[in-house]
Amino acid sequence: MNYYPVSQHITKVRMKEAVRLLEKGCHRITDIAEMAGYSDVFYFSKKFKKIYGCSPSEYHSNSSASRGPE
């Protein structure tokens, strides 16, 4: 079994929620950061980019483009 710090698990859970909200596409990035548990949108964006390799807005744009018009 793999063990890792609780803070790493919390970050993983928060980022999964952020991705879900970004893919849903009906919230602003600042609101998504807050809903995912981040009070600082710049810190959220920095962590997101480190994990996913793109900014939250780039992720949102890419997920919107792959869905096509609704």
C-alpha atoms as a PDB file:
ATOM      1  CA  MET A   1       0.000   0.000   0.000  1.00  0.00           C
ATOM      2  CA  ASN A   2       1.256   3.490  -0.863  1.00  0.00           C
ATOM      3  CA  TYR A   3       1.315   6.066   1.882  1.00  0.00           C
ATOM      4  CA  TYR A   4       1.668   9.774   1.304  1.00  0.00           C
ATOM      5  CA  PRO A   5       1.146  12.916   3.380  1.00  0.00           C
ATOM      6  CA  VAL A   6      -2.387  13.981   4.239  1.00  0.00           C
ATOM      7  CA  SER A   7      -1.719  17.362   2.608  1.00  0.00           C
ATOM      8  CA  GLN A   8      -0.997  15.588  -0.688  1.00  0.00           C
ATOM      9  CA  HIS A   9      -4.274  13.698  -0.435  1.00  0.00           C
ATOM     10  CA  ILE A  10      -6.175  16.922   0.292  1.00  0.00           C
ATOM     11  CA  THR A  11      -4.577  18.597  -2.732  1.00  0.00           C
ATOM     12  CA  LYS A  12      -5.547  15.625  -4.907  1.00  0.00           C
ATOM     13  CA  VAL A  13      -9.178  15.769  -3.732  1.00  0.00           C
ATOM     14  CA  ARG A  14      -9.345  19.548  -4.220  1.00  0.00           C
ATOM     15  CA  MET A  15      -7.885  19.357  -7.716  1.00  0.00           C
ATOM     16  CA  LYS A  16     -10.286  16.592  -8.756  1.00  0.00           C
ATOM     17  CA  GLU A  17     -13.145  18.853  -7.676  1.00  0.00           C
ATOM     18  CA  ALA A  18     -11.620  21.787  -9.567  1.00  0.00           C
ATOM     19  CA  VAL A  19     -11.347  19.675 -12.736  1.00  0.00           C
ATOM     20  CA  ARG A  20     -14.966  18.569 -12.368  1.00  0.00           C
ATOM     21  CA  LEU A  21     -16.091  22.184 -12.049  1.00  0.00           C
ATOM     22  CA  LEU A  22     -13.893  23.333 -14.949  1.00  0.00           C
ATOM     23  CA  GLU A  23     -15.325  20.629 -17.186  1.00  0.00           C
ATOM     24  CA  LYS A  24     -18.829  21.608 -16.164  1.00  0.00           C
ATOM     25  CA  GLY A  25     -17.953  25.084 -17.440  1.00  0.00           C
ATOM     26  CA  CYS A  26     -20.437  27.263 -15.595  1.00  0.00           C
ATOM     27  CA  HIS A  27     -18.215  29.018 -13.031  1.00  0.00           C
ATOM     28  CA  ARG A  28     -15.432  31.597 -13.063  1.00  0.00           C
ATOM     29  CA  ILE A  29     -11.899  30.440 -12.171  1.00  0.00           C
ATOM     30  CA  THR A  30     -11.950  32.508  -8.969  1.00  0.00           C
ATOM     31  CA  ASP A  31     -15.196  30.816  -7.911  1.00  0.00           C
ATOM     32  CA  ILE A  32     -13.822  27.363  -8.763  1.00  0.00           C
ATOM     33  CA  ALA A  33     -10.705  28.030  -6.699  1.00  0.00           C
ATOM     34  CA  GLU A  34     -12.870  28.971  -3.734  1.00  0.00           C
ATOM     35  CA  MET A  35     -15.229  26.007  -4.199  1.00  0.00           C
ATOM     36  CA  ALA A  36     -12.210  23.692  -4.295  1.00  0.00           C
ATOM     37  CA  GLY A  37     -10.955  25.108  -0.994  1.00  0.00           C
ATOM     38  CA  TYR A  38      -8.411  27.698  -2.119  1.00  0.00           C
ATOM     39  CA  SER A  39      -8.762  31.262  -0.836  1.00  0.00           C
ATOM     40  CA  ASP A  40      -5.909  32.481  -3.071  1.00  0.00           C
ATOM     41  CA  VAL A  41      -6.661  32.085  -6.792  1.00  0.00           C
ATOM     42  CA  PHE A  42      -3.004  32.668  -7.716  1.00  0.00           C
ATOM     43  CA  TYR A  43      -1.849  29.837  -5.455  1.00  0.00           C
ATOM     44  CA  PHE A  44      -4.609  27.624  -6.860  1.00  0.00           C
ATOM     45  CA  SER A  45      -3.526  28.398 -10.431  1.00  0.00           C
ATOM     46  CA  LYS A  46       0.121  27.700  -9.608  1.00  0.00           C
ATOM     47  CA  LYS A  47      -0.705  24.321  -7.998  1.00  0.00           C
ATOM     48  CA  PHE A  48      -3.079  23.425 -10.842  1.00  0.00           C
ATOM     49  CA  LYS A  49      -0.456  24.182 -13.486  1.00  0.00           C
ATOM     50  CA  LYS A  50       2.166  22.159 -11.610  1.00  0.00           C
ATOM     51  CA  ILE A  51      -0.137  19.118 -11.516  1.00  0.00           C
ATOM     52  CA  TYR A  52      -1.871  19.332 -14.921  1.00  0.00           C
ATOM     53  CA  GLY A  53       0.721  21.193 -17.005  1.00  0.00           C
ATOM     54  CA  CYS A  54      -1.628  24.023 -17.960  1.00  0.00           C
ATOM     55  CA  SER A  55      -3.481  26.832 -16.242  1.00  0.00           C
ATOM     56  CA  PRO A  56      -7.077  26.349 -15.106  1.00  0.00           C
ATOM     57  CA  SER A  57      -8.297  28.661 -17.882  1.00  0.00           C
ATOM     58  CA  GLU A  58      -6.318  26.721 -20.518  1.00  0.00           C
ATOM     59  CA  TYR A  59      -7.755  23.476 -19.144  1.00  0.00           C
ATOM     60  CA  HIS A  60     -11.234  24.944 -19.304  1.00  0.00           C
ATOM     61  CA  SER A  61     -10.713  26.125 -22.896  1.00  0.00           C
ATOM     62  CA  ASN A  62      -9.417  22.716 -23.957  1.00  0.00           C
ATOM     63  CA  SER A  63     -12.231  20.826 -22.262  1.00  0.00           C
ATOM     64  CA  SER A  64     -14.816  23.181 -23.781  1.00  0.00           C
ATOM     65  CA  ALA A  65     -13.329  22.747 -27.255  1.00  0.00           C
ATOM     66  CA  SER A  66     -13.343  18.952 -26.973  1.00  0.00           C
ATOM     67  CA  ARG A  67     -17.028  18.961 -25.953  1.00  0.00           C
ATOM     68  CA  GLY A  68     -18.101  21.094 -28.881  1.00  0.00           C
ATOM     69  CA  PRO A  69     -21.187  23.293 -28.905  1.00  0.00           C
ATOM     70  CA  GLU A  70     -23.888  22.387 -26.431  1.00  0.00           C
END
